[in-house]
C-alpha atoms as a PDB file:
ATOM      1  CA  MET A   1       0.000   0.000   0.000  1.00  0.00           C
ATOM      2  CA  ASP A   2       1.108   3.541  -0.742  1.00  0.00           C
ATOM      3  CA  PHE A   3       1.531   5.817   2.297  1.00  0.00           C
ATOM      4  CA  ARG A   4       0.098   8.772   0.407  1.00  0.00           C
ATOM      5  CA  HIS A   5      -2.972   6.778  -0.584  1.00  0.00           C
ATOM      6  CA  LEU A   6      -3.529   5.898   3.059  1.00  0.00           C
ATOM      7  CA  GLU A   7      -3.180   9.545   4.108  1.00  0.00           C
ATOM      8  CA  LEU A   8      -5.770  10.544   1.525  1.00  0.00           C
ATOM      9  CA  PHE A   9      -8.081   7.745   2.632  1.00  0.00           C
ATOM     10  CA  ILE A  10      -7.804   8.713   6.308  1.00  0.00           C
ATOM     11  CA  HIS A  11      -8.732  12.315   5.574  1.00  0.00           C
ATOM     12  CA  LEU A  12     -11.624  11.262   3.323  1.00  0.00           C
ATOM     13  CA  SER A  13     -12.880   8.790   5.930  1.00  0.00           C
ATOM     14  CA  GLN A  14     -13.127  11.710   8.370  1.00  0.00           C
ATOM     15  CA  SER A  15     -14.446  14.428   6.063  1.00  0.00           C
ATOM     16  CA  LEU A  16     -16.726  12.093   4.049  1.00  0.00           C
ATOM     17  CA  HIS A  17     -16.517  14.681   1.280  1.00  0.00           C
ATOM     18  CA  PHE A  18     -14.338  14.269  -1.819  1.00  0.00           C
ATOM     19  CA  GLY A  19     -14.178  18.024  -2.466  1.00  0.00           C
ATOM     20  CA  HIS A  20     -13.104  18.900   1.079  1.00  0.00           C
ATOM     21  CA  THR A  21     -10.411  16.234   1.104  1.00  0.00           C
ATOM     22  CA  ALA A  22      -9.108  17.149  -2.347  1.00  0.00           C
ATOM     23  CA  ASP A  23      -8.776  20.805  -1.281  1.00  0.00           C
ATOM     24  CA  ALA A  24      -7.235  20.038   2.102  1.00  0.00           C
ATOM     25  CA  MET A  25      -4.728  17.521   0.746  1.00  0.00           C
ATOM     26  CA  ALA A  26      -3.862  19.598  -2.345  1.00  0.00           C
ATOM     27  CA  VAL A  27      -4.824  16.970  -4.934  1.00  0.00           C
ATOM     28  CA  SER A  28      -7.316  16.931  -7.779  1.00  0.00           C
ATOM     29  CA  PRO A  29     -10.621  15.073  -7.300  1.00  0.00           C
ATOM     30  CA  SER A  30      -9.596  12.618 -10.024  1.00  0.00           C
ATOM     31  CA  THR A  31      -6.284  11.875  -8.262  1.00  0.00           C
ATOM     32  CA  LEU A  32      -8.150  11.313  -5.004  1.00  0.00           C
ATOM     33  CA  SER A  33     -10.641   9.010  -6.716  1.00  0.00           C
ATOM     34  CA  ARG A  34      -7.845   6.964  -8.301  1.00  0.00           C
ATOM     35  CA  ALA A  35      -6.087   6.632  -4.945  1.00  0.00           C
ATOM     36  CA  ILE A  36      -9.240   5.241  -3.335  1.00  0.00           C
ATOM     37  CA  GLN A  37      -9.809   2.879  -6.257  1.00  0.00           C
ATOM     38  CA  ARG A  38      -6.244   1.602  -5.904  1.00  0.00           C
ATOM     39  CA  LEU A  39      -6.769   0.942  -2.198  1.00  0.00           C
ATOM     40  CA  GLU A  40      -9.960  -0.938  -3.004  1.00  0.00           C
ATOM     41  CA  GLN A  41      -8.035  -3.022  -5.522  1.00  0.00           C
ATOM     42  CA  ASP A  42      -5.269  -3.705  -2.996  1.00  0.00           C
ATOM     43  CA  THR A  43      -7.709  -4.759  -0.271  1.00  0.00           C
ATOM     44  CA  GLY A  44     -10.193  -6.481  -2.560  1.00  0.00           C
ATOM     45  CA  CYS A  45     -13.017  -4.696  -0.737  1.00  0.00           C
ATOM     46  CA  GLU A  46     -15.344  -1.772  -1.305  1.00  0.00           C
ATOM     47  CA  LEU A  47     -14.240   0.872   1.191  1.00  0.00           C
ATOM     48  CA  LEU A  48     -16.749   3.636   0.482  1.00  0.00           C
ATOM     49  CA  VAL A  49     -20.321   3.930  -0.681  1.00  0.00           C
ATOM     50  CA  ARG A  50     -20.644   7.001  -2.861  1.00  0.00           C
ATOM     51  CA  ASP A  51     -23.561   8.850  -4.397  1.00  0.00           C
ATOM     52  CA  ASN A  52     -24.049  12.386  -5.679  1.00  0.00           C
ATOM     53  CA  ARG A  53     -24.670  13.769  -2.199  1.00  0.00           C
ATOM     54  CA  SER A  54     -22.745  11.745   0.325  1.00  0.00           C
ATOM     55  CA  VAL A  55     -19.912   9.364   1.126  1.00  0.00           C
ATOM     56  CA  THR A  56     -20.189   6.681   3.796  1.00  0.00           C
ATOM     57  CA  LEU A  57     -17.697   4.117   5.056  1.00  0.00           C
ATOM     58  CA  THR A  58     -18.384   0.436   4.557  1.00  0.00           C
ATOM     59  CA  PRO A  59     -17.511  -1.940   7.427  1.00  0.00           C
ATOM     60  CA  ALA A  60     -14.300  -2.756   5.540  1.00  0.00           C
ATOM     61  CA  GLY A  61     -13.587   0.961   5.179  1.00  0.00           C
ATOM     62  CA  ALA A  62     -14.050   1.537   8.906  1.00  0.00           C
ATOM     63  CA  ARG A  63     -11.641  -1.305   9.650  1.00  0.00           C
ATOM     64  CA  LEU A  64      -9.053   0.078   7.232  1.00  0.00           C
ATOM     65  CA  GLN A  65      -9.455   3.547   8.757  1.00  0.00           C
ATOM     66  CA  GLN A  66      -8.607   2.188  12.205  1.00  0.00           C
ATOM     67  CA  PHE A  67      -5.649   0.208  10.876  1.00  0.00           C
ATOM     68  CA  ALA A  68      -4.297   3.038   8.712  1.00  0.00           C
ATOM     69  CA  GLN A  69      -4.448   5.632  11.500  1.00  0.00           C
ATOM     70  CA  GLY A  70      -2.440   3.417  13.820  1.00  0.00           C
ATOM     71  CA  TRP A  71       0.007   2.357  11.115  1.00  0.00           C
ATOM     72  CA  LEU A  72       0.749   5.865   9.898  1.00  0.00           C
ATOM     73  CA  ALA A  73       1.003   7.229  13.431  1.00  0.00           C
ATOM     74  CA  ASP A  74       3.515   4.488  14.320  1.00  0.00           C
ATOM     75  CA  TRP A  75       5.478   5.163  11.138  1.00  0.00           C
ATOM     76  CA  GLN A  76       5.687   8.907  11.759  1.00  0.00           C
ATOM     77  CA  HIS A  77       6.661   8.294  15.367  1.00  0.00           C
ATOM     78  CA  LEU A  78       9.399   5.870  14.312  1.00  0.00           C
ATOM     79  CA  LYS A  79      10.767   8.314  11.732  1.00  0.00           C
ATOM     80  CA  GLN A  80      10.924  11.041  14.365  1.00  0.00           C
ATOM     81  CA  GLU A  81      12.709   8.733  16.801  1.00  0.00           C
ATOM     82  CA  LEU A  82      15.237   7.619  14.212  1.00  0.00           C
ATOM     83  CA  LYS A  83      15.936  11.121  12.996  1.00  0.00           C
ATOM     84  CA  HIS A  84      16.008  13.109  16.203  1.00  0.00           C
ATOM     85  CA  GLY A  85      14.593  11.257  19.150  1.00  0.00           C
ATOM     86  CA  ASP A  86      11.443  12.497  20.855  1.00  0.00           C
ATOM     87  CA  ASP A  87      13.280  14.629  23.392  1.00  0.00           C
ATOM     88  CA  SER A  88      14.834  16.775  20.652  1.00  0.00           C
ATOM     89  CA  LEU A  89      11.517  18.476  19.907  1.00  0.00           C
ATOM     90  CA  GLN A  90      11.242  21.605  21.990  1.00  0.00           C
ATOM     91  CA  GLY A  91       9.528  24.952  21.748  1.00  0.00           C
ATOM     92  CA  ARG A  92       6.074  26.378  22.330  1.00  0.00           C
ATOM     93  CA  LEU A  93       2.706  25.816  20.681  1.00  0.00           C
ATOM     94  CA  ARG A  94      -0.275  28.111  21.165  1.00  0.00           C
ATOM     95  CA  VAL A  95      -3.594  26.256  21.127  1.00  0.00           C
ATOM     96  CA  PHE A  96      -7.019  27.929  21.158  1.00  0.00           C
ATOM     97  CA  CYS A  97     -10.281  26.124  21.907  1.00  0.00           C
ATOM     98  CA  SER A  98     -13.641  26.504  23.595  1.00  0.00           C
ATOM     99  CA  VAL A  99     -14.070  25.644  27.261  1.00  0.00           C
ATOM    100  CA  THR A 100     -16.113  22.596  26.254  1.00  0.00           C
ATOM    101  CA  ALA A 101     -13.452  21.336  23.840  1.00  0.00           C
ATOM    102  CA  SER A 102     -10.897  21.640  26.637  1.00  0.00           C
ATOM    103  CA  TYR A 103     -13.031  19.141  28.584  1.00  0.00           C
ATOM    104  CA  PHE A 104     -13.946  16.527  25.986  1.00  0.00           C
ATOM    105  CA  LEU A 105     -11.300  16.602  23.238  1.00  0.00           C
ATOM    106  CA  LEU A 106      -8.043  18.007  24.559  1.00  0.00           C
ATOM    107  CA  PRO A 107      -7.305  15.960  27.708  1.00  0.00           C
ATOM    108  CA  GLY A 108      -6.486  12.741  25.866  1.00  0.00           C
ATOM    109  CA  ILE A 109      -4.502  14.549  23.174  1.00  0.00           C
ATOM    110  CA  LEU A 110      -2.486  16.597  25.660  1.00  0.00           C
ATOM    111  CA  GLU A 111      -1.774  13.600  27.877  1.00  0.00           C
ATOM    112  CA  ARG A 112      -0.260  11.659  24.969  1.00  0.00           C
ATOM    113  CA  PHE A 113       1.525  14.741  23.656  1.00  0.00           C
ATOM    114  CA  ARG A 114       3.125  15.689  26.975  1.00  0.00           C
ATOM    115  CA  SER A 115       4.351  12.168  27.675  1.00  0.00           C
ATOM    116  CA  ARG A 116       5.900  11.908  24.218  1.00  0.00           C
ATOM    117  CA  TYR A 117       7.314  15.434  23.921  1.00  0.00           C
ATOM    118  CA  PRO A 118       8.097  16.602  27.470  1.00  0.00           C
ATOM    119  CA  ARG A 119      10.180  19.567  26.281  1.00  0.00           C
ATOM    120  CA  LEU A 120       7.345  21.085  24.273  1.00  0.00           C
ATOM    121  CA  GLU A 121       5.303  23.780  26.002  1.00  0.00           C
ATOM    122  CA  ILE A 122       1.576  24.154  25.306  1.00  0.00           C
ATOM    123  CA  ARG A 123       0.009  27.589  25.814  1.00  0.00           C
ATOM    124  CA  LEU A 124      -3.747  26.970  26.007  1.00  0.00           C
ATOM    125  CA  GLU A 125      -6.280  29.752  25.525  1.00  0.00           C
ATOM    126  CA  THR A 126     -10.023  29.206  25.823  1.00  0.00           C
ATOM    127  CA  GLY A 127     -12.750  31.428  24.437  1.00  0.00           C
ATOM    128  CA  ASP A 128     -15.617  31.815  22.000  1.00  0.00           C
ATOM    129  CA  PRO A 129     -15.260  29.036  19.378  1.00  0.00           C
ATOM    130  CA  ALA A 130     -16.588  31.423  16.719  1.00  0.00           C
ATOM    131  CA  LEU A 131     -13.278  33.321  16.961  1.00  0.00           C
ATOM    132  CA  ALA A 132     -11.057  30.309  16.258  1.00  0.00           C
ATOM    133  CA  ILE A 133     -10.587  30.730  12.499  1.00  0.00           C
ATOM    134  CA  ASP A 134      -9.877  34.460  12.827  1.00  0.00           C
ATOM    135  CA  LYS A 135      -7.260  33.741  15.480  1.00  0.00           C
ATOM    136  CA  ILE A 136      -5.569  31.310  13.083  1.00  0.00           C
ATOM    137  CA  LEU A 137      -5.656  33.793  10.193  1.00  0.00           C
ATOM    138  CA  ASP A 138      -4.424  36.658  12.397  1.00  0.00           C
ATOM    139  CA  ASP A 139      -1.542  34.518  13.704  1.00  0.00           C
ATOM    140  CA  GLU A 140      -2.769  34.799  17.285  1.00  0.00           C
ATOM    141  CA  THR A 141      -2.481  31.032  17.685  1.00  0.00           C
ATOM    142  CA  GLU A 142      -0.790  28.205  15.795  1.00  0.00           C
ATOM    143  CA  LEU A 143      -3.559  25.665  16.360  1.00  0.00           C
ATOM    144  CA  ALA A 144      -7.244  25.781  17.171  1.00  0.00           C
ATOM    145  CA  ILE A 145      -9.748  23.096  18.088  1.00  0.00           C
ATOM    146  CA  ALA A 146     -12.869  24.368  16.376  1.00  0.00           C
ATOM    147  CA  ALA A 147     -15.888  23.627  14.213  1.00  0.00           C
ATOM    148  CA  ARG A 148     -15.272  23.547  10.477  1.00  0.00           C
ATOM    149  CA  PRO A 149     -17.014  26.495   8.792  1.00  0.00           C
ATOM    150  CA  ASP A 150     -19.086  25.754   5.693  1.00  0.00           C
ATOM    151  CA  ALA A 151     -16.675  27.929   3.700  1.00  0.00           C
ATOM    152  CA  LEU A 152     -13.178  27.125   4.939  1.00  0.00           C
ATOM    153  CA  PRO A 153     -10.647  29.881   4.078  1.00  0.00           C
ATOM    154  CA  ALA A 154      -8.173  28.770   1.419  1.00  0.00           C
ATOM    155  CA  LYS A 155      -5.210  29.349   3.751  1.00  0.00           C
ATOM    156  CA  VAL A 156      -6.586  27.108   6.494  1.00  0.00           C
ATOM    157  CA  HIS A 157      -6.051  23.352   6.856  1.00  0.00           C
ATOM    158  CA  PHE A 158      -8.648  21.364   8.815  1.00  0.00           C
ATOM    159  CA  VAL A 159      -8.449  17.837  10.218  1.00  0.00           C
ATOM    160  CA  ASN A 160     -11.734  16.411  11.461  1.00  0.00           C
ATOM    161  CA  LEU A 161     -11.597  14.738  14.876  1.00  0.00           C
ATOM    162  CA  GLN A 162     -15.271  14.292  15.665  1.00  0.00           C
ATOM    163  CA  THR A 163     -18.727  14.939  14.202  1.00  0.00           C
ATOM    164  CA  VAL A 164     -20.964  16.529  16.835  1.00  0.00           C
ATOM    165  CA  PRO A 165     -24.782  16.803  16.695  1.00  0.00           C
ATOM    166  CA  MET A 166     -26.382  20.228  17.202  1.00  0.00           C
ATOM    167  CA  VAL A 167     -29.516  20.336  19.342  1.00  0.00           C
ATOM    168  CA  PHE A 168     -32.179  22.666  20.672  1.00  0.00           C
ATOM    169  CA  ILE A 169     -32.239  22.852  24.467  1.00  0.00           C
ATOM    170  CA  ALA A 170     -34.893  24.054  26.907  1.00  0.00           C
ATOM    171  CA  PRO A 171     -35.034  24.582  30.683  1.00  0.00           C
ATOM    172  CA  THR A 172     -36.208  21.720  32.881  1.00  0.00           C
ATOM    173  CA  SER A 173     -37.649  24.102  35.470  1.00  0.00           C
ATOM    174  CA  PRO A 174     -41.236  25.421  35.267  1.00  0.00           C
ATOM    175  CA  GLY A 175     -41.782  28.924  33.930  1.00  0.00           C
ATOM    176  CA  PRO A 176     -43.048  30.921  30.940  1.00  0.00           C
ATOM    177  CA  VAL A 177     -40.772  29.121  28.463  1.00  0.00           C
ATOM    178  CA  SER A 178     -41.831  25.675  29.694  1.00  0.00           C
ATOM    179  CA  GLU A 179     -45.474  26.739  29.433  1.00  0.00           C
ATOM    180  CA  LEU A 180     -44.985  27.817  25.806  1.00  0.00           C
ATOM    181  CA  LEU A 181     -43.355  24.468  25.054  1.00  0.00           C
ATOM    182  CA  GLU A 182     -46.399  22.600  26.363  1.00  0.00           C
ATOM    183  CA  GLN A 183     -48.746  24.272  23.871  1.00  0.00           C
ATOM    184  CA  ARG A 184     -49.884  22.299  20.824  1.00  0.00           C
ATOM    185  CA  PRO A 185     -49.271  23.027  18.098  1.00  0.00           C
ATOM    186  CA  LEU A 186     -45.934  24.416  19.226  1.00  0.00           C
ATOM    187  CA  ASP A 187     -45.496  28.024  18.087  1.00  0.00           C
ATOM    188  CA  TRP A 188     -41.747  28.320  17.444  1.00  0.00           C
ATOM    189  CA  GLN A 189     -42.046  32.016  16.571  1.00  0.00           C
ATOM    190  CA  ARG A 190     -43.158  32.878  20.117  1.00  0.00           C
ATOM    191  CA  LEU A 191     -40.323  31.052  21.827  1.00  0.00           C
ATOM    192  CA  PRO A 192     -37.459  33.292  23.007  1.00  0.00           C
ATOM    193  CA  VAL A 193     -34.262  31.958  21.435  1.00  0.00           C
ATOM    194  CA  ILE A 194     -30.701  32.356  22.723  1.00  0.00           C
ATOM    195  CA  VAL A 195     -28.045  31.898  20.046  1.00  0.00           C
ATOM    196  CA  SER A 196     -24.365  32.475  19.383  1.00  0.00           C
ATOM    197  CA  GLU A 197     -23.412  35.897  18.060  1.00  0.00           C
ATOM    198  CA  GLN A 198     -21.606  34.352  15.108  1.00  0.00           C
ATOM    199  CA  GLY A 199     -19.891  31.223  13.875  1.00  0.00           C
ATOM    200  CA  VAL A 200     -20.952  27.777  12.707  1.00  0.00           C
ATOM    201  CA  ALA A 201     -23.447  27.215  15.543  1.00  0.00           C
ATOM    202  CA  ARG A 202     -25.275  30.432  14.630  1.00  0.00           C
ATOM    203  CA  LYS A 203     -25.371  29.403  10.972  1.00  0.00           C
ATOM    204  CA  ARG A 204     -26.861  26.028  11.865  1.00  0.00           C
ATOM    205  CA  ALA A 205     -29.643  27.772  13.793  1.00  0.00           C
ATOM    206  CA  ASN A 206     -30.269  30.264  10.978  1.00  0.00           C
ATOM    207  CA  GLN A 207     -30.376  27.459   8.398  1.00  0.00           C
ATOM    208  CA  TRP A 208     -32.932  25.500  10.396  1.00  0.00           C
ATOM    209  CA  PHE A 209     -35.274  28.438  10.969  1.00  0.00           C
ATOM    210  CA  LYS A 210     -35.009  29.523   7.330  1.00  0.00           C
ATOM    211  CA  ALA A 211     -35.810  26.024   6.080  1.00  0.00           C
ATOM    212  CA  LYS A 212     -38.909  25.969   8.307  1.00  0.00           C
ATOM    213  CA  GLY A 213     -40.007  29.452   7.258  1.00  0.00           C
ATOM    214  CA  ILE A 214     -39.802  30.664  10.864  1.00  0.00           C
ATOM    215  CA  ASN A 215     -38.823  34.183  11.879  1.00  0.00           C
ATOM    216  CA  PRO A 216     -37.251  33.411  15.274  1.00  0.00           C
ATOM    217  CA  ASN A 217     -37.764  35.558  18.350  1.00  0.00           C
ATOM    218  CA  ILE A 218     -34.099  36.190  19.201  1.00  0.00           C
ATOM    219  CA  TYR A 219     -33.946  36.960  22.912  1.00  0.00           C
ATOM    220  CA  ALA A 220     -30.153  37.165  23.194  1.00  0.00           C
ATOM    221  CA  GLU A 221     -26.996  36.758  21.131  1.00  0.00           C
ATOM    222  CA  VAL A 222     -24.085  35.650  23.295  1.00  0.00           C
ATOM    223  CA  ALA A 223     -20.445  34.604  22.971  1.00  0.00           C
ATOM    224  CA  GLY A 224     -19.815  30.961  23.781  1.00  0.00           C
ATOM    225  CA  ASN A 225     -21.935  27.860  24.239  1.00  0.00           C
ATOM    226  CA  GLU A 226     -21.451  27.904  27.992  1.00  0.00           C
ATOM    227  CA  ALA A 227     -23.297  31.239  28.175  1.00  0.00           C
ATOM    228  CA  ILE A 228     -26.175  29.815  26.126  1.00  0.00           C
ATOM    229  CA  ILE A 229     -26.651  26.774  28.350  1.00  0.00           C
ATOM    230  CA  GLY A 230     -26.463  28.987  31.441  1.00  0.00           C
ATOM    231  CA  MET A 231     -29.196  31.349  30.227  1.00  0.00           C
ATOM    232  CA  VAL A 232     -31.407  28.463  29.113  1.00  0.00           C
ATOM    233  CA  ALA A 233     -30.974  26.730  32.475  1.00  0.00           C
ATOM    234  CA  LEU A 234     -32.154  29.927  34.172  1.00  0.00           C
ATOM    235  CA  GLY A 235     -35.322  29.932  32.066  1.00  0.00           C
ATOM    236  CA  PHE A 236     -34.648  32.834  29.693  1.00  0.00           C
ATOM    237  CA  GLY A 237     -35.432  30.854  26.540  1.00  0.00           C
ATOM    238  CA  ILE A 238     -34.450  27.924  24.370  1.00  0.00           C
ATOM    239  CA  GLY A 239     -31.002  27.623  22.805  1.00  0.00           C
ATOM    240  CA  VAL A 240     -28.945  25.931  20.110  1.00  0.00           C
ATOM    241  CA  VAL A 241     -25.721  24.197  21.189  1.00  0.00           C
ATOM    242  CA  PRO A 242     -23.548  21.203  20.305  1.00  0.00           C
ATOM    243  CA  ARG A 243     -24.870  18.150  22.164  1.00  0.00           C
ATOM    244  CA  VAL A 244     -21.503  17.602  23.809  1.00  0.00           C
ATOM    245  CA  VAL A 245     -21.858  20.919  25.686  1.00  0.00           C
ATOM    246  CA  ILE A 246     -24.733  19.466  27.707  1.00  0.00           C
ATOM    247  CA  ASP A 247     -22.744  16.357  28.578  1.00  0.00           C
ATOM    248  CA  HIS A 248     -19.832  18.392  29.980  1.00  0.00           C
ATOM    249  CA  SER A 249     -21.588  21.409  31.502  1.00  0.00           C
ATOM    250  CA  PRO A 250     -22.099  21.723  35.270  1.00  0.00           C
ATOM    251  CA  MET A 251     -25.606  22.958  34.369  1.00  0.00           C
ATOM    252  CA  GLY A 252     -26.330  20.069  32.013  1.00  0.00           C
ATOM    253  CA  ASP A 253     -28.926  18.577  34.369  1.00  0.00           C
ATOM    254  CA  LYS A 254     -30.914  21.820  34.281  1.00  0.00           C
ATOM    255  CA  VAL A 255     -31.665  21.649  30.547  1.00  0.00           C
ATOM    256  CA  ARG A 256     -33.280  19.103  28.255  1.00  0.00           C
ATOM    257  CA  VAL A 257     -33.007  18.393  24.547  1.00  0.00           C
ATOM    258  CA  LEU A 258     -35.953  19.475  22.412  1.00  0.00           C
ATOM    259  CA  SER A 259     -37.178  17.273  19.601  1.00  0.00           C
ATOM    260  CA  ALA A 260     -36.875  19.085  16.259  1.00  0.00           C
ATOM    261  CA  SER A 261     -37.814  17.930  12.775  1.00  0.00           C
ATOM    262  CA  PRO A 262     -35.717  17.920  10.745  1.00  0.00           C
ATOM    263  CA  ALA A 263     -32.761  17.632  13.080  1.00  0.00           C
ATOM    264  CA  LEU A 264     -30.226  20.442  13.092  1.00  0.00           C
ATOM    265  CA  LYS A 265     -27.223  19.819  10.851  1.00  0.00           C
ATOM    266  CA  SER A 266     -24.219  18.431  12.737  1.00  0.00           C
ATOM    267  CA  ILE A 267     -20.837  20.156  12.934  1.00  0.00           C
ATOM    268  CA  GLU A 268     -17.330  18.795  12.375  1.00  0.00           C
ATOM    269  CA  VAL A 269     -14.902  19.583  15.194  1.00  0.00           C
ATOM    270  CA  GLY A 270     -11.192  19.275  14.547  1.00  0.00           C
ATOM    271  CA  VAL A 271      -7.755  20.857  14.369  1.00  0.00           C
ATOM    272  CA  CYS A 272      -7.363  24.094  12.383  1.00  0.00           C
ATOM    273  CA  LEU A 273      -4.059  25.599  11.289  1.00  0.00           C
ATOM    274  CA  LEU A 274      -2.509  27.569   8.461  1.00  0.00           C
ATOM    275  CA  LYS A 275      -1.468  25.401   5.516  1.00  0.00           C
ATOM    276  CA  LYS A 276       1.929  27.078   5.485  1.00  0.00           C
ATOM    277  CA  ARG A 277       2.603  25.543   8.923  1.00  0.00           C
ATOM    278  CA  LEU A 278       2.001  21.942   7.839  1.00  0.00           C
ATOM    279  CA  ASP A 279       5.724  21.194   7.588  1.00  0.00           C
ATOM    280  CA  ASP A 280       6.522  22.610  11.035  1.00  0.00           C
ATOM    281  CA  PRO A 281       7.800  19.673  13.159  1.00  0.00           C
ATOM    282  CA  LEU A 282       5.891  20.872  16.235  1.00  0.00           C
ATOM    283  CA  ILE A 283       2.657  21.159  14.265  1.00  0.00           C
ATOM    284  CA  ARG A 284       3.148  17.740  12.702  1.00  0.00           C
ATOM    285  CA  ALA A 285       3.782  16.216  16.110  1.00  0.00           C
ATOM    286  CA  PHE A 286       0.574  17.671  17.540  1.00  0.00           C
ATOM    287  CA  GLN A 287      -1.515  16.732  14.505  1.00  0.00           C
ATOM    288  CA  GLN A 288      -0.253  13.141  14.490  1.00  0.00           C
ATOM    289  CA  THR A 289      -0.943  12.827  18.207  1.00  0.00           C
ATOM    290  CA  ALA A 290      -4.459  14.230  17.788  1.00  0.00           C
ATOM    291  CA  LEU A 291      -5.277  11.699  15.055  1.00  0.00           C
ATOM    292  CA  GLU A 292      -4.244   8.682  17.106  1.00  0.00           C
ATOM    293  CA  PRO A 293      -7.103   6.591  18.516  1.00  0.00           C
ATOM    294  CA  SER A 294      -7.861   7.508  22.125  1.00  0.00           C
END
């Protein structure tokens, strides 16, 4: 098997989008397609199910994804050891992420990273996830753990780590909002809504309301998912957040998930960085560590 073909396959198995992978890996769609076909020939299995709208992994594809991630990570680690030794990597990396991401994504990555590269310093900054891409473009951070925007800037490289559902949330406590939610039919236009000021989460909310022909009653626009869940828990309205925020919030037991049809579109959460930094040894070390199975 060709290492490059495996790298392309791993990215495609995470993005599930030929166009996104071709752009991110700097290859043409036809080159990407040929690489996948060659892997299917080598394995004797269909790895992907494709149609005009989507790409999904077959069971064989999921197995190859797991194998390839471990194999490539071991190979890169061995090359680094043979060339320099792990302890030779030193310096500082600035990493930006949301408070929630610092709970559910970063701990495992940082634990592996610190044990492998003890002389590398991580400067972690938390804040509004909507600011992540701008911080990358403005060189305020080398790496960001953030949601992939629908239109990724050409200068930015994105590696998907996890697909996260978006959900509507409501307070569990009695009050005016809970009373509105009990009415049938449910009048979405009367419900006070708390949303992000900007970013992918705000776009997901806007897309849903537009598709339903609803002019939402925006009660508040706030920075950060933690602020949304806090205001919803206090009974100020309903909100739109990534599902994982509820699972890791100290106020998660004070909100509930609302059923919505259709469901809100999910978001891809991963590592963002400038493409020009891809050859930086510190960046490569972090990216390889992040892609390893937990």
